Amino acid sequence: MAFLVILSSHLSLSSGCRNRKVLLYSL
């Protein structure tokens, strides 16, 4: 959980698309 939260936070910061963020957190 810690690994995925930190990794997803880095990826979401580099991506401004809201749909991509929703997909990322769904994964």
PDB file of all heavy atoms in Angstrom:
ATOM      1  N   MET A   1       0.832  -1.199   0.000  1.00  0.00           N
ATOM      2  CA  MET A   1       0.000   0.000   0.000  1.00  0.00           C
ATOM      3  C   MET A   1       0.868   1.252   0.000  1.00  0.00           C
ATOM      4  O   MET A   1       0.641   2.195  -0.774  1.00  0.00           O
ATOM      5  CB  MET A   1      -0.934  -0.003   1.216  1.00  0.00           C
ATOM      6  CG  MET A   1      -1.726   1.294   1.400  1.00  0.00           C
ATOM      7  SD  MET A   1      -2.827   1.659   0.003  1.00  0.00           S
ATOM      8  CE  MET A   1      -4.220   0.595   0.382  1.00  0.00           C
ATOM      9  N   ALA A   2       1.891   1.270   0.846  1.00  0.00           N
ATOM     10  CA  ALA A   2       2.797   2.420   0.885  1.00  0.00           C
ATOM     11  C   ALA A   2       3.511   2.594  -0.452  1.00  0.00           C
ATOM     12  O   ALA A   2       3.635   3.708  -0.968  1.00  0.00           O
ATOM     13  CB  ALA A   2       3.814   2.239   2.010  1.00  0.00           C
ATOM     14  N   PHE A   3       3.973   1.481  -1.034  1.00  0.00           N
ATOM     15  CA  PHE A   3       4.675   1.532  -2.313  1.00  0.00           C
ATOM     16  C   PHE A   3       3.781   2.105  -3.405  1.00  0.00           C
ATOM     17  O   PHE A   3       4.191   2.997  -4.163  1.00  0.00           O
ATOM     18  CB  PHE A   3       5.133   0.118  -2.691  1.00  0.00           C
ATOM     19  CG  PHE A   3       5.864   0.029  -3.998  1.00  0.00           C
ATOM     20  CD1 PHE A   3       7.222   0.282  -4.090  1.00  0.00           C
ATOM     21  CD2 PHE A   3       5.190  -0.329  -5.158  1.00  0.00           C
ATOM     22  CE1 PHE A   3       7.900   0.201  -5.297  1.00  0.00           C
ATOM     23  CE2 PHE A   3       5.847  -0.416  -6.376  1.00  0.00           C
ATOM     24  CZ  PHE A   3       7.203  -0.151  -6.439  1.00  0.00           C
ATOM     25  N   LEU A   4       2.547   1.631  -3.505  1.00  0.00           N
ATOM     26  CA  LEU A   4       1.640   2.068  -4.567  1.00  0.00           C
ATOM     27  C   LEU A   4       1.187   3.512  -4.368  1.00  0.00           C
ATOM     28  O   LEU A   4       1.044   4.256  -5.342  1.00  0.00           O
ATOM     29  CB  LEU A   4       0.428   1.136  -4.621  1.00  0.00           C
ATOM     30  CG  LEU A   4       0.703  -0.304  -5.083  1.00  0.00           C
ATOM     31  CD1 LEU A   4      -0.561  -1.149  -4.991  1.00  0.00           C
ATOM     32  CD2 LEU A   4       1.256  -0.326  -6.503  1.00  0.00           C
ATOM     33  N   VAL A   5       0.960   3.907  -3.125  1.00  0.00           N
ATOM     34  CA  VAL A   5       0.525   5.285  -2.864  1.00  0.00           C
ATOM     35  C   VAL A   5       1.622   6.270  -3.254  1.00  0.00           C
ATOM     36  O   VAL A   5       1.360   7.295  -3.905  1.00  0.00           O
ATOM     37  CB  VAL A   5       0.144   5.450  -1.377  1.00  0.00           C
ATOM     38  CG1 VAL A   5       0.006   6.928  -1.017  1.00  0.00           C
ATOM     39  CG2 VAL A   5      -1.159   4.723  -1.076  1.00  0.00           C
ATOM     40  N   ILE A   6       2.865   5.974  -2.878  1.00  0.00           N
ATOM     41  CA  ILE A   6       3.978   6.875  -3.215  1.00  0.00           C
ATOM     42  C   ILE A   6       4.201   6.905  -4.720  1.00  0.00           C
ATOM     43  O   ILE A   6       4.371   7.982  -5.320  1.00  0.00           O
ATOM     44  CB  ILE A   6       5.265   6.419  -2.493  1.00  0.00           C
ATOM     45  CG1 ILE A   6       5.077   6.507  -0.980  1.00  0.00           C
ATOM     46  CG2 ILE A   6       6.454   7.271  -2.926  1.00  0.00           C
ATOM     47  CD1 ILE A   6       6.182   5.840  -0.197  1.00  0.00           C
ATOM     48  N   LEU A   7       4.170   5.730  -5.350  1.00  0.00           N
ATOM     49  CA  LEU A   7       4.385   5.667  -6.793  1.00  0.00           C
ATOM     50  C   LEU A   7       3.272   6.380  -7.548  1.00  0.00           C
ATOM     51  O   LEU A   7       3.537   7.137  -8.498  1.00  0.00           O
ATOM     52  CB  LEU A   7       4.480   4.200  -7.232  1.00  0.00           C
ATOM     53  CG  LEU A   7       4.838   3.936  -8.699  1.00  0.00           C
ATOM     54  CD1 LEU A   7       6.207   4.524  -9.024  1.00  0.00           C
ATOM     55  CD2 LEU A   7       4.804   2.442  -9.003  1.00  0.00           C
ATOM     56  N   SER A   8       2.028   6.169  -7.137  1.00  0.00           N
ATOM     57  CA  SER A   8       0.906   6.806  -7.823  1.00  0.00           C
ATOM     58  C   SER A   8       0.914   8.320  -7.623  1.00  0.00           C
ATOM     59  O   SER A   8       0.499   9.067  -8.518  1.00  0.00           O
ATOM     60  CB  SER A   8      -0.422   6.217  -7.327  1.00  0.00           C
ATOM     61  OG  SER A   8      -0.575   6.416  -5.934  1.00  0.00           O
ATOM     62  N   SER A   9       1.396   8.776  -6.464  1.00  0.00           N
ATOM     63  CA  SER A   9       1.473  10.219  -6.243  1.00  0.00           C
ATOM     64  C   SER A   9       2.472  10.858  -7.193  1.00  0.00           C
ATOM     65  O   SER A   9       2.239  11.950  -7.712  1.00  0.00           O
ATOM     66  CB  SER A   9       1.847  10.521  -4.795  1.00  0.00           C
ATOM     67  OG  SER A   9       3.165  10.091  -4.506  1.00  0.00           O
ATOM     68  N   HIS A  10       3.581  10.185  -7.467  1.00  0.00           N
ATOM     69  CA  HIS A  10       4.554  10.690  -8.430  1.00  0.00           C
ATOM     70  C   HIS A  10       3.964  10.713  -9.838  1.00  0.00           C
ATOM     71  O   HIS A  10       4.141  11.681 -10.575  1.00  0.00           O
ATOM     72  CB  HIS A  10       5.818   9.831  -8.403  1.00  0.00           C
ATOM     73  CG  HIS A  10       6.803  10.243  -7.368  1.00  0.00           C
ATOM     74  ND1 HIS A  10       7.911  11.013  -7.635  1.00  0.00           N
ATOM     75  CD2 HIS A  10       6.841  10.000  -6.039  1.00  0.00           C
ATOM     76  CE1 HIS A  10       8.594  11.222  -6.525  1.00  0.00           C
ATOM     77  NE2 HIS A  10       7.968  10.611  -5.541  1.00  0.00           N
ATOM     78  N   LEU A  11       3.262   9.651 -10.197  1.00  0.00           N
ATOM     79  CA  LEU A  11       2.691   9.575 -11.543  1.00  0.00           C
ATOM     80  C   LEU A  11       1.555  10.574 -11.724  1.00  0.00           C
ATOM     81  O   LEU A  11       1.410  11.167 -12.795  1.00  0.00           O
ATOM     82  CB  LEU A  11       2.195   8.158 -11.818  1.00  0.00           C
ATOM     83  CG  LEU A  11       3.271   7.071 -11.875  1.00  0.00           C
ATOM     84  CD1 LEU A  11       2.633   5.697 -12.060  1.00  0.00           C
ATOM     85  CD2 LEU A  11       4.255   7.349 -13.007  1.00  0.00           C
ATOM     86  N   SER A  12       0.754  10.771 -10.688  1.00  0.00           N
ATOM     87  CA  SER A  12      -0.365  11.708 -10.798  1.00  0.00           C
ATOM     88  C   SER A  12       0.115  13.144 -10.871  1.00  0.00           C
ATOM     89  O   SER A  12      -0.510  13.988 -11.509  1.00  0.00           O
ATOM     90  CB  SER A  12      -1.321  11.532  -9.614  1.00  0.00           C
ATOM     91  OG  SER A  12      -0.663  11.836  -8.393  1.00  0.00           O
ATOM     92  N   LEU A  13       1.236  13.455 -10.227  1.00  0.00           N
ATOM     93  CA  LEU A  13       1.783  14.814 -10.298  1.00  0.00           C
ATOM     94  C   LEU A  13       2.290  15.135 -11.694  1.00  0.00           C
ATOM     95  O   LEU A  13       2.221  16.273 -12.151  1.00  0.00           O
ATOM     96  CB  LEU A  13       2.918  14.971  -9.278  1.00  0.00           C
ATOM     97  CG  LEU A  13       2.496  15.045  -7.806  1.00  0.00           C
ATOM     98  CD1 LEU A  13       3.724  15.097  -6.916  1.00  0.00           C
ATOM     99  CD2 LEU A  13       1.617  16.258  -7.555  1.00  0.00           C
ATOM    100  N   SER A  14       2.804  14.093 -12.368  1.00  0.00           N
ATOM    101  CA  SER A  14       3.325  14.318 -13.715  1.00  0.00           C
ATOM    102  C   SER A  14       2.231  14.291 -14.773  1.00  0.00           C
ATOM    103  O   SER A  14       2.469  14.608 -15.934  1.00  0.00           O
ATOM    104  CB  SER A  14       4.379  13.239 -14.051  1.00  0.00           C
ATOM    105  OG  SER A  14       3.803  11.949 -14.010  1.00  0.00           O
ATOM    106  N   SER A  15       1.027  13.875 -14.351  1.00  0.00           N
ATOM    107  CA  SER A  15      -0.094  13.813 -15.298  1.00  0.00           C
ATOM    108  C   SER A  15      -1.219  14.719 -14.815  1.00  0.00           C
ATOM    109  O   SER A  15      -1.742  14.546 -13.724  1.00  0.00           O
ATOM    110  CB  SER A  15      -0.602  12.365 -15.416  1.00  0.00           C
ATOM    111  OG  SER A  15      -1.758  12.313 -16.202  1.00  0.00           O
ATOM    112  N   GLY A  16      -1.584  15.682 -15.645  1.00  0.00           N
ATOM    113  CA  GLY A  16      -2.645  16.605 -15.251  1.00  0.00           C
ATOM    114  C   GLY A  16      -4.034  16.135 -15.636  1.00  0.00           C
ATOM    115  O   GLY A  16      -5.018  16.769 -15.289  1.00  0.00           O
ATOM    116  N   CYS A  17      -4.134  15.024 -16.338  1.00  0.00           N
ATOM    117  CA  CYS A  17      -5.421  14.521 -16.818  1.00  0.00           C
ATOM    118  C   CYS A  17      -6.183  13.856 -15.676  1.00  0.00           C
ATOM    119  O   CYS A  17      -5.673  12.938 -15.022  1.00  0.00           O
ATOM    120  CB  CYS A  17      -5.202  13.548 -17.966  1.00  0.00           C
ATOM    121  SG  CYS A  17      -6.735  12.855 -18.624  1.00  0.00           S
ATOM    122  N   ARG A  18      -7.418  14.308 -15.443  1.00  0.00           N
ATOM    123  CA  ARG A  18      -8.223  13.766 -14.353  1.00  0.00           C
ATOM    124  C   ARG A  18      -8.585  12.306 -14.595  1.00  0.00           C
ATOM    125  O   ARG A  18      -8.591  11.498 -13.668  1.00  0.00           O
ATOM    126  CB  ARG A  18      -9.488  14.609 -14.191  1.00  0.00           C
ATOM    127  CG  ARG A  18     -10.362  14.191 -13.020  1.00  0.00           C
ATOM    128  CD  ARG A  18     -11.517  15.151 -12.829  1.00  0.00           C
ATOM    129  NE  ARG A  18     -12.358  14.763 -11.717  1.00  0.00           N
ATOM    130  CZ  ARG A  18     -13.343  13.865 -11.793  1.00  0.00           C
ATOM    131  NH1 ARG A  18     -13.600  13.281 -12.953  1.00  0.00           N
ATOM    132  NH2 ARG A  18     -14.063  13.567 -10.734  1.00  0.00           N
ATOM    133  N   ASN A  19      -8.899  11.944 -15.846  1.00  0.00           N
ATOM    134  CA  ASN A  19      -9.272  10.564 -16.154  1.00  0.00           C
ATOM    135  C   ASN A  19      -8.118   9.604 -15.893  1.00  0.00           C
ATOM    136  O   ASN A  19      -8.328   8.478 -15.444  1.00  0.00           O
ATOM    137  CB  ASN A  19      -9.720  10.455 -17.608  1.00  0.00           C
ATOM    138  CG  ASN A  19     -11.035  11.174 -17.860  1.00  0.00           C
ATOM    139  OD1 ASN A  19     -11.858  11.318 -16.949  1.00  0.00           O
ATOM    140  ND2 ASN A  19     -11.230  11.642 -19.092  1.00  0.00           N
ATOM    141  N   ARG A  20      -6.902  10.062 -16.176  1.00  0.00           N
ATOM    142  CA  ARG A  20      -5.738   9.211 -15.914  1.00  0.00           C
ATOM    143  C   ARG A  20      -5.542   8.989 -14.416  1.00  0.00           C
ATOM    144  O   ARG A  20      -5.156   7.906 -13.995  1.00  0.00           O
ATOM    145  CB  ARG A  20      -4.490   9.840 -16.523  1.00  0.00           C
ATOM    146  CG  ARG A  20      -4.452   9.800 -18.044  1.00  0.00           C
ATOM    147  CD  ARG A  20      -3.139  10.357 -18.568  1.00  0.00           C
ATOM    148  NE  ARG A  20      -3.096  10.320 -20.034  1.00  0.00           N
ATOM    149  CZ  ARG A  20      -2.072  10.766 -20.754  1.00  0.00           C
ATOM    150  NH1 ARG A  20      -0.999  11.276 -20.130  1.00  0.00           N
ATOM    151  NH2 ARG A  20      -2.102  10.697 -22.070  1.00  0.00           N
ATOM    152  N   LYS A  21      -5.818  10.026 -13.637  1.00  0.00           N
ATOM    153  CA  LYS A  21      -5.702   9.873 -12.189  1.00  0.00           C
ATOM    154  C   LYS A  21      -6.730   8.876 -11.655  1.00  0.00           C
ATOM    155  O   LYS A  21      -6.424   8.049 -10.791  1.00  0.00           O
ATOM    156  CB  LYS A  21      -5.875  11.232 -11.505  1.00  0.00           C
ATOM    157  CG  LYS A  21      -4.735  12.207 -11.745  1.00  0.00           C
ATOM    158  CD  LYS A  21      -4.959  13.506 -10.991  1.00  0.00           C
ATOM    159  CE  LYS A  21      -3.810  14.481 -11.241  1.00  0.00           C
ATOM    160  NZ  LYS A  21      -3.995  15.765 -10.507  1.00  0.00           N
ATOM    161  N   VAL A  22      -7.952   8.960 -12.164  1.00  0.00           N
ATOM    162  CA  VAL A  22      -8.989   8.015 -11.738  1.00  0.00           C
ATOM    163  C   VAL A  22      -8.593   6.590 -12.099  1.00  0.00           C
ATOM    164  O   VAL A  22      -8.740   5.658 -11.294  1.00  0.00           O
ATOM    165  CB  VAL A  22     -10.345   8.378 -12.386  1.00  0.00           C
ATOM    166  CG1 VAL A  22     -11.386   7.299 -12.098  1.00  0.00           C
ATOM    167  CG2 VAL A  22     -10.830   9.732 -11.886  1.00  0.00           C
ATOM    168  N   LEU A  23      -8.069   6.403 -13.317  1.00  0.00           N
ATOM    169  CA  LEU A  23      -7.616   5.084 -13.740  1.00  0.00           C
ATOM    170  C   LEU A  23      -6.466   4.593 -12.873  1.00  0.00           C
ATOM    171  O   LEU A  23      -6.421   3.414 -12.491  1.00  0.00           O
ATOM    172  CB  LEU A  23      -7.184   5.141 -15.212  1.00  0.00           C
ATOM    173  CG  LEU A  23      -6.611   3.846 -15.797  1.00  0.00           C
ATOM    174  CD1 LEU A  23      -7.649   2.727 -15.734  1.00  0.00           C
ATOM    175  CD2 LEU A  23      -6.131   4.074 -17.228  1.00  0.00           C
ATOM    176  N   LEU A  24      -5.565   5.510 -12.542  1.00  0.00           N
ATOM    177  CA  LEU A  24      -4.396   5.148 -11.735  1.00  0.00           C
ATOM    178  C   LEU A  24      -4.813   4.659 -10.358  1.00  0.00           C
ATOM    179  O   LEU A  24      -4.375   3.597  -9.892  1.00  0.00           O
ATOM    180  CB  LEU A  24      -3.467   6.356 -11.627  1.00  0.00           C
ATOM    181  CG  LEU A  24      -2.165   6.159 -10.853  1.00  0.00           C
ATOM    182  CD1 LEU A  24      -1.289   5.123 -11.536  1.00  0.00           C
ATOM    183  CD2 LEU A  24      -1.428   7.483 -10.721  1.00  0.00           C
ATOM    184  N   TYR A  25      -5.684   5.402  -9.702  1.00  0.00           N
ATOM    185  CA  TYR A  25      -6.109   5.007  -8.354  1.00  0.00           C
ATOM    186  C   TYR A  25      -7.032   3.793  -8.380  1.00  0.00           C
ATOM    187  O   TYR A  25      -7.099   3.042  -7.393  1.00  0.00           O
ATOM    188  CB  TYR A  25      -6.775   6.190  -7.654  1.00  0.00           C
ATOM    189  CG  TYR A  25      -5.788   7.271  -7.265  1.00  0.00           C
ATOM    190  CD1 TYR A  25      -5.800   8.510  -7.891  1.00  0.00           C
ATOM    191  CD2 TYR A  25      -4.825   7.036  -6.284  1.00  0.00           C
ATOM    192  CE1 TYR A  25      -4.877   9.496  -7.545  1.00  0.00           C
ATOM    193  CE2 TYR A  25      -3.900   8.007  -5.932  1.00  0.00           C
ATOM    194  CZ  TYR A  25      -3.925   9.235  -6.568  1.00  0.00           C
ATOM    195  OH  TYR A  25      -3.012  10.198  -6.230  1.00  0.00           O
ATOM    196  N   SER A  26      -7.712   3.569  -9.484  1.00  0.00           N
ATOM    197  CA  SER A  26      -8.507   2.343  -9.628  1.00  0.00           C
ATOM    198  C   SER A  26      -7.596   1.124  -9.703  1.00  0.00           C
ATOM    199  O   SER A  26      -7.894   0.070  -9.125  1.00  0.00           O
ATOM    200  CB  SER A  26      -9.385   2.424 -10.875  1.00  0.00           C
ATOM    201  OG  SER A  26     -10.307   3.495 -10.792  1.00  0.00           O
ATOM    202  N   LEU A  27      -6.481   1.272 -10.416  1.00  0.00           N
ATOM    203  CA  LEU A  27      -5.498   0.182 -10.487  1.00  0.00           C
ATOM    204  C   LEU A  27      -4.901  -0.108  -9.120  1.00  0.00           C
ATOM    205  O   LEU A  27      -4.668  -1.273  -8.771  1.00  0.00           O
ATOM    206  CB  LEU A  27      -4.396   0.548 -11.490  1.00  0.00           C
ATOM    207  CG  LEU A  27      -4.795   0.559 -12.966  1.00  0.00           C
ATOM    208  CD1 LEU A  27      -3.640   1.054 -13.830  1.00  0.00           C
ATOM    209  CD2 LEU A  27      -5.233  -0.832 -13.418  1.00  0.00           C
TER     210      LEU A  27
END
